[in-house]
Amino acid sequence: MVRKLFVAGLMSLSLMASDLSITGTVVSDNQKMIGARFMGYVKNIYFEIGDKVRREDTLFDLESAEFDILKNQADLALEQAEIMVDMYRTRLDNIRHERMNILSKDGDNTFELKNIDVMAENVQAGLAAARGLVANASVKVKQMATISNYLEVKAPNDGIIVQKNIRVGDLIVPGMLAMLLVDLDHLEIEAQISEADLLKVNAGDFVSVAIPSIKFNTRGRIKSVVPSANPMTHTFTIRVSFDKGDMKVYPGMYAKINLDYKPAALMAKEQR
């Protein structure tokens, strides 16, 4: 009889709701790796680790001798093309004035008019070619202006600098990590759950979130369950979204997550 009561007690306990408690770490859902699009030497650095930045703030800028040469060449080409246009315009105005003088003379001026018209056509062709050179040179100058903007590396969004790998005078190349920018307005909690507890969590479930170091408690929601187990530990990664409000929550903080879990048998019993 006692044994039966003991077994019944165990079955009753198995049907009771239980809490799944796991630990995690605060991470940013919007982390940017800042680099440069062109090779050059770091000229100025305007922010250090721990500094808060706003979108479009200049983080650092570069100086590039190669770019300076290309920019000077583009400016010179545009200047020369504009001089040619002015020269052809002046020449064409002179030809038109000369033609008017020929027309004002008495007698047969057919030969002179023919020569002056041929000359005018040649000058007009040269003017059109010079205008084409101006257009091409203008495009090149605009491209250099765009590259010049790229030499000033700006923050893509608000955030805080958590890593800086450059100093003034360093040579930076495309693909090199210069700074790491973390957005503090889009924080989540990343945690690991064991394979045995995988069936207890689902995307969309509400959980209790606590960050003990700042005595912060709130409600969160499971954003995703990454369907890929770590073969060494047989754990799965989950992401929990939450609202930090005005609290000073930073990436790397220790967090606790509690999930109210009801066994399937208990849920079936409640539905009946």
C-alpha atoms as a PDB file:
ATOM      1  CA  MET A   1       0.000   0.000   0.000  1.00  0.00           C
ATOM      2  CA  VAL A   2       2.800   2.375   0.912  1.00  0.00           C
ATOM      3  CA  ARG A   3       4.580   1.552  -2.319  1.00  0.00           C
ATOM      4  CA  LYS A   4       1.446   2.330  -4.321  1.00  0.00           C
ATOM      5  CA  LEU A   5       1.100   5.674  -2.573  1.00  0.00           C
ATOM      6  CA  PHE A   6       4.757   6.425  -3.278  1.00  0.00           C
ATOM      7  CA  VAL A   7       4.368   5.643  -6.998  1.00  0.00           C
ATOM      8  CA  ALA A   8       1.205   7.712  -7.156  1.00  0.00           C
ATOM      9  CA  GLY A   9       3.050  10.609  -5.535  1.00  0.00           C
ATOM     10  CA  LEU A  10       5.812  10.407  -8.108  1.00  0.00           C
ATOM     11  CA  MET A  11       3.285  10.412 -10.932  1.00  0.00           C
ATOM     12  CA  SER A  12       1.572  13.430  -9.422  1.00  0.00           C
ATOM     13  CA  LEU A  13       4.880  15.289  -9.173  1.00  0.00           C
ATOM     14  CA  SER A  14       5.672  14.462 -12.768  1.00  0.00           C
ATOM     15  CA  LEU A  15       2.434  16.135 -13.835  1.00  0.00           C
ATOM     16  CA  MET A  16       3.168  19.365 -11.964  1.00  0.00           C
ATOM     17  CA  ALA A  17       4.489  22.394 -13.766  1.00  0.00           C
ATOM     18  CA  SER A  18       8.205  23.036 -13.390  1.00  0.00           C
ATOM     19  CA  ASP A  19      10.589  25.871 -14.144  1.00  0.00           C
ATOM     20  CA  LEU A  20      13.373  25.605 -16.673  1.00  0.00           C
ATOM     21  CA  SER A  21      16.186  27.886 -15.513  1.00  0.00           C
ATOM     22  CA  ILE A  22      19.172  28.645 -17.746  1.00  0.00           C
ATOM     23  CA  THR A  23      21.894  31.272 -17.850  1.00  0.00           C
ATOM     24  CA  GLY A  24      22.942  33.431 -20.757  1.00  0.00           C
ATOM     25  CA  THR A  25      24.804  36.519 -21.898  1.00  0.00           C
ATOM     26  CA  VAL A  26      23.551  39.850 -23.165  1.00  0.00           C
ATOM     27  CA  VAL A  27      24.535  40.398 -26.796  1.00  0.00           C
ATOM     28  CA  SER A  28      23.814  43.045 -29.407  1.00  0.00           C
ATOM     29  CA  ASP A  29      21.617  42.164 -32.348  1.00  0.00           C
ATOM     30  CA  ASN A  30      23.173  45.000 -34.362  1.00  0.00           C
ATOM     31  CA  GLN A  31      26.946  44.741 -34.308  1.00  0.00           C
ATOM     32  CA  LYS A  32      28.935  46.417 -37.087  1.00  0.00           C
ATOM     33  CA  MET A  33      32.488  45.679 -38.153  1.00  0.00           C
ATOM     34  CA  ILE A  34      33.935  48.943 -39.444  1.00  0.00           C
ATOM     35  CA  GLY A  35      36.608  48.941 -42.133  1.00  0.00           C
ATOM     36  CA  ALA A  36      37.769  51.028 -45.085  1.00  0.00           C
ATOM     37  CA  ARG A  37      36.914  50.698 -48.776  1.00  0.00           C
ATOM     38  CA  PHE A  38      40.306  51.943 -49.947  1.00  0.00           C
ATOM     39  CA  MET A  39      43.871  51.465 -48.881  1.00  0.00           C
ATOM     40  CA  GLY A  40      45.530  54.349 -47.073  1.00  0.00           C
ATOM     41  CA  TYR A  41      47.237  55.550 -43.935  1.00  0.00           C
ATOM     42  CA  VAL A  42      45.169  56.502 -40.905  1.00  0.00           C
ATOM     43  CA  LYS A  43      45.302  60.282 -40.632  1.00  0.00           C
ATOM     44  CA  ASN A  44      42.999  61.024 -37.678  1.00  0.00           C
ATOM     45  CA  ILE A  45      41.008  58.965 -35.180  1.00  0.00           C
ATOM     46  CA  TYR A  46      38.113  60.782 -33.544  1.00  0.00           C
ATOM     47  CA  PHE A  47      36.743  58.148 -31.135  1.00  0.00           C
ATOM     48  CA  GLU A  48      38.216  55.666 -28.681  1.00  0.00           C
ATOM     49  CA  ILE A  49      36.979  52.469 -27.026  1.00  0.00           C
ATOM     50  CA  GLY A  50      33.944  53.159 -24.869  1.00  0.00           C
ATOM     51  CA  ASP A  51      32.911  56.330 -26.711  1.00  0.00           C
ATOM     52  CA  LYS A  52      29.315  56.679 -27.831  1.00  0.00           C
ATOM     53  CA  VAL A  53      28.834  57.750 -31.433  1.00  0.00           C
ATOM     54  CA  ARG A  54      25.929  58.986 -33.482  1.00  0.00           C
ATOM     55  CA  ARG A  55      25.034  57.953 -37.012  1.00  0.00           C
ATOM     56  CA  GLU A  56      27.160  59.761 -39.643  1.00  0.00           C
ATOM     57  CA  ASP A  57      29.845  60.725 -37.104  1.00  0.00           C
ATOM     58  CA  THR A  58      33.306  60.485 -38.689  1.00  0.00           C
ATOM     59  CA  LEU A  59      35.138  57.696 -36.867  1.00  0.00           C
ATOM     60  CA  PHE A  60      38.487  58.132 -38.632  1.00  0.00           C
ATOM     61  CA  ASP A  61      39.871  59.364 -41.923  1.00  0.00           C
ATOM     62  CA  LEU A  62      42.652  58.311 -44.274  1.00  0.00           C
ATOM     63  CA  GLU A  63      45.280  59.974 -46.360  1.00  0.00           C
ATOM     64  CA  SER A  64      46.287  58.377 -49.641  1.00  0.00           C
ATOM     65  CA  ALA A  65      49.057  59.637 -51.925  1.00  0.00           C
ATOM     66  CA  GLU A  66      47.672  57.510 -54.768  1.00  0.00           C
ATOM     67  CA  PHE A  67      44.244  59.109 -54.390  1.00  0.00           C
ATOM     68  CA  ASP A  68      45.750  62.609 -54.291  1.00  0.00           C
ATOM     69  CA  ILE A  69      47.532  61.942 -57.592  1.00  0.00           C
ATOM     70  CA  LEU A  70      44.345  60.643 -59.234  1.00  0.00           C
ATOM     71  CA  LYS A  71      42.339  63.588 -57.905  1.00  0.00           C
ATOM     72  CA  ASN A  72      44.880  66.103 -59.228  1.00  0.00           C
ATOM     73  CA  GLN A  73      44.884  64.367 -62.614  1.00  0.00           C
ATOM     74  CA  ALA A  74      41.087  64.484 -62.786  1.00  0.00           C
ATOM     75  CA  ASP A  75      40.983  68.177 -61.836  1.00  0.00           C
ATOM     76  CA  LEU A  76      43.686  69.005 -64.400  1.00  0.00           C
ATOM     77  CA  ALA A  77      41.893  67.076 -67.147  1.00  0.00           C
ATOM     78  CA  LEU A  78      38.660  68.967 -66.426  1.00  0.00           C
ATOM     79  CA  GLU A  79      40.455  72.302 -66.421  1.00  0.00           C
ATOM     80  CA  GLN A  80      42.163  71.588 -69.761  1.00  0.00           C
ATOM     81  CA  ALA A  81      38.888  70.437 -71.345  1.00  0.00           C
ATOM     82  CA  GLU A  82      37.112  73.620 -70.204  1.00  0.00           C
ATOM     83  CA  ILE A  83      39.957  75.732 -71.667  1.00  0.00           C
ATOM     84  CA  MET A  84      39.530  73.927 -74.991  1.00  0.00           C
ATOM     85  CA  VAL A  85      35.783  74.619 -74.947  1.00  0.00           C
ATOM     86  CA  ASP A  86      36.419  78.322 -74.314  1.00  0.00           C
ATOM     87  CA  MET A  87      39.011  78.392 -77.099  1.00  0.00           C
ATOM     88  CA  TYR A  88      36.650  76.811 -79.651  1.00  0.00           C
ATOM     89  CA  ARG A  89      33.791  79.114 -78.613  1.00  0.00           C
ATOM     90  CA  THR A  90      36.000  82.170 -79.091  1.00  0.00           C
ATOM     91  CA  ARG A  91      37.183  80.863 -82.439  1.00  0.00           C
ATOM     92  CA  LEU A  92      33.593  80.196 -83.540  1.00  0.00           C
ATOM     93  CA  ASP A  93      32.508  83.703 -82.521  1.00  0.00           C
ATOM     94  CA  ASN A  94      35.377  85.165 -84.555  1.00  0.00           C
ATOM     95  CA  ILE A  95      34.384  83.092 -87.592  1.00  0.00           C
ATOM     96  CA  ARG A  96      30.789  84.252 -87.345  1.00  0.00           C
ATOM     97  CA  HIS A  97      31.926  87.850 -87.095  1.00  0.00           C
ATOM     98  CA  GLU A  98      34.224  87.361 -90.080  1.00  0.00           C
ATOM     99  CA  ARG A  99      31.392  85.813 -92.104  1.00  0.00           C
ATOM    100  CA  MET A 100      29.218  88.838 -91.406  1.00  0.00           C
ATOM    101  CA  ASN A 101      32.002  91.077 -92.710  1.00  0.00           C
ATOM    102  CA  ILE A 102      32.231  89.007 -95.891  1.00  0.00           C
ATOM    103  CA  LEU A 103      28.498  89.256 -96.450  1.00  0.00           C
ATOM    104  CA  SER A 104      28.655  93.026 -96.069  1.00  0.00           C
ATOM    105  CA  LYS A 105      31.174  93.330 -98.933  1.00  0.00           C
ATOM    106  CA  ASP A 106      30.098  93.935-102.497  1.00  0.00           C
ATOM    107  CA  GLY A 107      30.857  91.483-105.307  1.00  0.00           C
ATOM    108  CA  ASP A 108      30.969  87.712-105.582  1.00  0.00           C
ATOM    109  CA  ASN A 109      31.922  86.303-102.158  1.00  0.00           C
ATOM    110  CA  THR A 110      30.942  82.697-102.806  1.00  0.00           C
ATOM    111  CA  PHE A 111      34.471  81.286-102.488  1.00  0.00           C
ATOM    112  CA  GLU A 112      35.190  83.140 -99.265  1.00  0.00           C
ATOM    113  CA  LEU A 113      31.848  82.152 -97.777  1.00  0.00           C
ATOM    114  CA  LYS A 114      32.468  78.517 -98.700  1.00  0.00           C
ATOM    115  CA  ASN A 115      35.866  78.546 -96.977  1.00  0.00           C
ATOM    116  CA  ILE A 116      34.514  80.302 -93.904  1.00  0.00           C
ATOM    117  CA  ASP A 117      31.622  77.792 -93.643  1.00  0.00           C
ATOM    118  CA  VAL A 118      34.017  74.836 -93.872  1.00  0.00           C
ATOM    119  CA  MET A 119      36.142  76.429 -91.175  1.00  0.00           C
ATOM    120  CA  ALA A 120      33.042  76.953 -89.015  1.00  0.00           C
ATOM    121  CA  GLU A 121      32.050  73.296 -89.378  1.00  0.00           C
ATOM    122  CA  ASN A 122      35.520  72.169 -88.299  1.00  0.00           C
ATOM    123  CA  VAL A 123      35.464  74.452 -85.279  1.00  0.00           C
ATOM    124  CA  GLN A 124      31.969  73.258 -84.321  1.00  0.00           C
ATOM    125  CA  ALA A 125      33.180  69.643 -84.527  1.00  0.00           C
ATOM    126  CA  GLY A 126      36.119  70.534 -82.310  1.00  0.00           C
ATOM    127  CA  LEU A 127      33.756  72.290 -79.869  1.00  0.00           C
ATOM    128  CA  ALA A 128      31.526  69.225 -79.674  1.00  0.00           C
ATOM    129  CA  ALA A 129      34.570  67.012 -79.003  1.00  0.00           C
ATOM    130  CA  ALA A 130      35.804  69.405 -76.313  1.00  0.00           C
ATOM    131  CA  ARG A 131      32.386  69.378 -74.647  1.00  0.00           C
ATOM    132  CA  GLY A 132      32.554  65.578 -74.628  1.00  0.00           C
ATOM    133  CA  LEU A 133      35.915  65.774 -72.888  1.00  0.00           C
ATOM    134  CA  VAL A 134      34.407  68.133 -70.301  1.00  0.00           C
ATOM    135  CA  ALA A 135      31.549  65.703 -69.648  1.00  0.00           C
ATOM    136  CA  ASN A 136      33.936  62.755 -69.201  1.00  0.00           C
ATOM    137  CA  ALA A 137      36.277  64.774 -66.998  1.00  0.00           C
ATOM    138  CA  SER A 138      33.328  65.950 -64.863  1.00  0.00           C
ATOM    139  CA  VAL A 139      32.284  62.342 -64.268  1.00  0.00           C
ATOM    140  CA  LYS A 140      35.838  61.511 -63.227  1.00  0.00           C
ATOM    141  CA  VAL A 141      35.932  64.447 -60.819  1.00  0.00           C
ATOM    142  CA  LYS A 142      32.628  63.308 -59.279  1.00  0.00           C
ATOM    143  CA  GLN A 143      34.039  59.813 -58.869  1.00  0.00           C
ATOM    144  CA  MET A 144      37.046  61.268 -57.076  1.00  0.00           C
ATOM    145  CA  ALA A 145      34.699  63.250 -54.824  1.00  0.00           C
ATOM    146  CA  THR A 146      32.866  60.035 -53.966  1.00  0.00           C
ATOM    147  CA  ILE A 147      36.138  58.301 -53.169  1.00  0.00           C
ATOM    148  CA  SER A 148      37.097  61.308 -51.062  1.00  0.00           C
ATOM    149  CA  ASN A 149      33.965  60.706 -48.985  1.00  0.00           C
ATOM    150  CA  TYR A 150      34.993  57.085 -48.544  1.00  0.00           C
ATOM    151  CA  LEU A 151      38.301  58.234 -47.073  1.00  0.00           C
ATOM    152  CA  GLU A 152      36.200  59.579 -44.198  1.00  0.00           C
ATOM    153  CA  VAL A 153      34.827  56.486 -42.469  1.00  0.00           C
ATOM    154  CA  LYS A 154      31.505  57.289 -40.798  1.00  0.00           C
ATOM    155  CA  ALA A 155      29.371  55.446 -38.260  1.00  0.00           C
ATOM    156  CA  PRO A 156      26.485  53.568 -39.943  1.00  0.00           C
ATOM    157  CA  ASN A 157      24.289  53.870 -36.831  1.00  0.00           C
ATOM    158  CA  ASP A 158      24.259  54.987 -33.216  1.00  0.00           C
ATOM    159  CA  GLY A 159      26.267  52.837 -30.857  1.00  0.00           C
ATOM    160  CA  ILE A 160      29.356  52.456 -28.732  1.00  0.00           C
ATOM    161  CA  ILE A 161      32.909  51.595 -29.811  1.00  0.00           C
ATOM    162  CA  VAL A 162      33.917  48.319 -28.135  1.00  0.00           C
ATOM    163  CA  GLN A 163      37.006  47.488 -30.180  1.00  0.00           C
ATOM    164  CA  LYS A 164      39.640  49.581 -31.961  1.00  0.00           C
ATOM    165  CA  ASN A 165      42.452  47.978 -33.934  1.00  0.00           C
ATOM    166  CA  ILE A 166      44.066  51.045 -35.539  1.00  0.00           C
ATOM    167  CA  ARG A 167      46.326  53.920 -34.572  1.00  0.00           C
ATOM    168  CA  VAL A 168      47.321  57.079 -36.385  1.00  0.00           C
ATOM    169  CA  GLY A 169      49.849  56.239 -39.087  1.00  0.00           C
ATOM    170  CA  ASP A 170      48.737  52.619 -39.545  1.00  0.00           C
ATOM    171  CA  LEU A 171      48.231  51.337 -43.070  1.00  0.00           C
ATOM    172  CA  ILE A 172      44.700  50.052 -43.502  1.00  0.00           C
ATOM    173  CA  VAL A 173      43.514  47.911 -46.413  1.00  0.00           C
ATOM    174  CA  PRO A 174      40.002  46.876 -47.549  1.00  0.00           C
ATOM    175  CA  GLY A 175      38.663  43.997 -45.472  1.00  0.00           C
ATOM    176  CA  MET A 176      40.686  44.898 -42.392  1.00  0.00           C
ATOM    177  CA  LEU A 177      38.707  45.301 -39.147  1.00  0.00           C
ATOM    178  CA  ALA A 178      39.350  48.802 -37.836  1.00  0.00           C
ATOM    179  CA  MET A 179      36.612  49.229 -35.242  1.00  0.00           C
ATOM    180  CA  LEU A 180      33.718  47.282 -33.776  1.00  0.00           C
ATOM    181  CA  LEU A 181      30.505  49.234 -33.213  1.00  0.00           C
ATOM    182  CA  VAL A 182      27.751  47.853 -31.012  1.00  0.00           C
ATOM    183  CA  ASP A 183      24.183  49.133 -31.018  1.00  0.00           C
ATOM    184  CA  LEU A 184      22.906  49.364 -27.420  1.00  0.00           C
ATOM    185  CA  ASP A 185      19.275  49.829 -28.473  1.00  0.00           C
ATOM    186  CA  HIS A 186      18.861  46.324 -29.884  1.00  0.00           C
ATOM    187  CA  LEU A 187      19.991  43.914 -27.176  1.00  0.00           C
ATOM    188  CA  GLU A 188      19.145  40.240 -26.777  1.00  0.00           C
ATOM    189  CA  ILE A 189      20.153  37.388 -24.508  1.00  0.00           C
ATOM    190  CA  GLU A 190      21.949  34.399 -25.943  1.00  0.00           C
ATOM    191  CA  ALA A 191      21.833  31.158 -23.983  1.00  0.00           C
ATOM    192  CA  GLN A 192      22.476  27.458 -24.382  1.00  0.00           C
ATOM    193  CA  ILE A 193      19.973  24.734 -23.586  1.00  0.00           C
ATOM    194  CA  SER A 194      20.680  21.040 -23.324  1.00  0.00           C
ATOM    195  CA  GLU A 195      19.410  18.599 -25.881  1.00  0.00           C
ATOM    196  CA  ALA A 196      17.178  17.058 -23.215  1.00  0.00           C
ATOM    197  CA  ASP A 197      15.402  20.414 -22.699  1.00  0.00           C
ATOM    198  CA  LEU A 198      14.951  21.211 -26.380  1.00  0.00           C
ATOM    199  CA  LEU A 199      11.311  20.112 -26.426  1.00  0.00           C
ATOM    200  CA  LYS A 200      10.552  22.472 -23.531  1.00  0.00           C
ATOM    201  CA  VAL A 201      11.223  25.677 -25.479  1.00  0.00           C
ATOM    202  CA  ASN A 202       9.569  27.114 -28.557  1.00  0.00           C
ATOM    203  CA  ALA A 203      10.023  30.324 -30.485  1.00  0.00           C
ATOM    204  CA  GLY A 204       7.481  32.830 -29.208  1.00  0.00           C
ATOM    205  CA  ASP A 205       7.363  31.537 -25.611  1.00  0.00           C
ATOM    206  CA  PHE A 206       7.439  34.181 -22.888  1.00  0.00           C
ATOM    207  CA  VAL A 207      10.152  33.936 -20.249  1.00  0.00           C
ATOM    208  CA  SER A 208      11.291  35.752 -17.133  1.00  0.00           C
ATOM    209  CA  VAL A 209      14.571  37.616 -17.556  1.00  0.00           C
ATOM    210  CA  ALA A 210      16.865  38.762 -14.758  1.00  0.00           C
ATOM    211  CA  ILE A 211      20.209  40.570 -14.811  1.00  0.00           C
ATOM    212  CA  PRO A 212      21.403  40.204 -11.204  1.00  0.00           C
ATOM    213  CA  SER A 213      24.285  42.704 -11.383  1.00  0.00           C
ATOM    214  CA  ILE A 214      21.903  45.648 -11.831  1.00  0.00           C
ATOM    215  CA  LYS A 215      18.900  44.003 -10.139  1.00  0.00           C
ATOM    216  CA  PHE A 216      16.896  44.189 -13.335  1.00  0.00           C
ATOM    217  CA  ASN A 217      13.887  41.937 -13.910  1.00  0.00           C
ATOM    218  CA  THR A 218      11.568  41.899 -16.891  1.00  0.00           C
ATOM    219  CA  ARG A 219       9.689  39.685 -19.290  1.00  0.00           C
ATOM    220  CA  GLY A 220      11.191  38.499 -22.532  1.00  0.00           C
ATOM    221  CA  ARG A 221      10.286  36.305 -25.445  1.00  0.00           C
ATOM    222  CA  ILE A 222      12.186  33.552 -27.186  1.00  0.00           C
ATOM    223  CA  LYS A 223      13.055  35.011 -30.566  1.00  0.00           C
ATOM    224  CA  SER A 224      14.639  31.937 -32.108  1.00  0.00           C
ATOM    225  CA  VAL A 225      15.933  28.456 -31.407  1.00  0.00           C
ATOM    226  CA  VAL A 226      18.951  27.721 -33.567  1.00  0.00           C
ATOM    227  CA  PRO A 227      18.462  24.188 -34.964  1.00  0.00           C
ATOM    228  CA  SER A 228      22.120  23.210 -34.818  1.00  0.00           C
ATOM    229  CA  ALA A 229      23.572  21.316 -31.856  1.00  0.00           C
ATOM    230  CA  ASN A 230      27.084  21.704 -30.568  1.00  0.00           C
ATOM    231  CA  PRO A 231      28.528  18.184 -31.099  1.00  0.00           C
ATOM    232  CA  MET A 232      30.832  18.549 -28.090  1.00  0.00           C
ATOM    233  CA  THR A 233      28.274  19.677 -25.510  1.00  0.00           C
ATOM    234  CA  HIS A 234      25.009  18.665 -27.221  1.00  0.00           C
ATOM    235  CA  THR A 235      23.499  22.072 -26.546  1.00  0.00           C
ATOM    236  CA  PHE A 236      21.370  24.381 -28.682  1.00  0.00           C
ATOM    237  CA  THR A 237      21.470  28.179 -28.881  1.00  0.00           C
ATOM    238  CA  ILE A 238      18.413  30.311 -28.150  1.00  0.00           C
ATOM    239  CA  ARG A 239      17.937  34.076 -28.521  1.00  0.00           C
ATOM    240  CA  VAL A 240      15.648  35.987 -26.152  1.00  0.00           C
ATOM    241  CA  SER A 241      14.438  39.497 -26.948  1.00  0.00           C
ATOM    242  CA  PHE A 242      13.579  41.933 -24.150  1.00  0.00           C
ATOM    243  CA  ASP A 243      13.048  45.619 -23.464  1.00  0.00           C
ATOM    244  CA  LYS A 244      15.752  47.173 -21.309  1.00  0.00           C
ATOM    245  CA  GLY A 245      13.866  50.439 -20.862  1.00  0.00           C
ATOM    246  CA  ASP A 246      16.117  53.068 -19.286  1.00  0.00           C
ATOM    247  CA  MET A 247      18.360  50.544 -17.554  1.00  0.00           C
ATOM    248  CA  LYS A 248      22.091  50.522 -18.274  1.00  0.00           C
ATOM    249  CA  VAL A 249      22.320  47.126 -19.914  1.00  0.00           C
ATOM    250  CA  TYR A 250      25.468  46.326 -21.897  1.00  0.00           C
ATOM    251  CA  PRO A 251      26.643  43.398 -24.015  1.00  0.00           C
ATOM    252  CA  GLY A 252      28.521  40.792 -21.999  1.00  0.00           C
ATOM    253  CA  MET A 253      26.335  41.025 -18.885  1.00  0.00           C
ATOM    254  CA  TYR A 254      25.322  37.824 -17.135  1.00  0.00           C
ATOM    255  CA  ALA A 255      21.607  37.005 -17.346  1.00  0.00           C
ATOM    256  CA  LYS A 256      19.183  34.411 -16.031  1.00  0.00           C
ATOM    257  CA  ILE A 257      16.200  33.055 -17.922  1.00  0.00           C
ATOM    258  CA  ASN A 258      13.278  31.202 -16.333  1.00  0.00           C
ATOM    259  CA  LEU A 259      10.685  29.416 -18.427  1.00  0.00           C
ATOM    260  CA  ASP A 260       7.463  28.034 -16.982  1.00  0.00           C
ATOM    261  CA  TYR A 261       7.221  24.545 -18.396  1.00  0.00           C
ATOM    262  CA  LYS A 262       4.227  22.248 -18.243  1.00  0.00           C
ATOM    263  CA  PRO A 263       4.624  18.588 -19.191  1.00  0.00           C
ATOM    264  CA  ALA A 264       2.475  17.339 -22.019  1.00  0.00           C
ATOM    265  CA  ALA A 265       0.498  15.088 -19.676  1.00  0.00           C
ATOM    266  CA  LEU A 266      -0.433  18.026 -17.475  1.00  0.00           C
ATOM    267  CA  MET A 267      -1.428  20.164 -20.462  1.00  0.00           C
ATOM    268  CA  ALA A 268      -3.622  17.330 -21.772  1.00  0.00           C
ATOM    269  CA  LYS A 269      -5.226  16.953 -18.343  1.00  0.00           C
ATOM    270  CA  GLU A 270      -5.990  20.703 -18.203  1.00  0.00           C
ATOM    271  CA  GLN A 271      -7.554  20.610 -21.675  1.00  0.00           C
ATOM    272  CA  ARG A 272      -9.860  17.794 -20.533  1.00  0.00           C
END
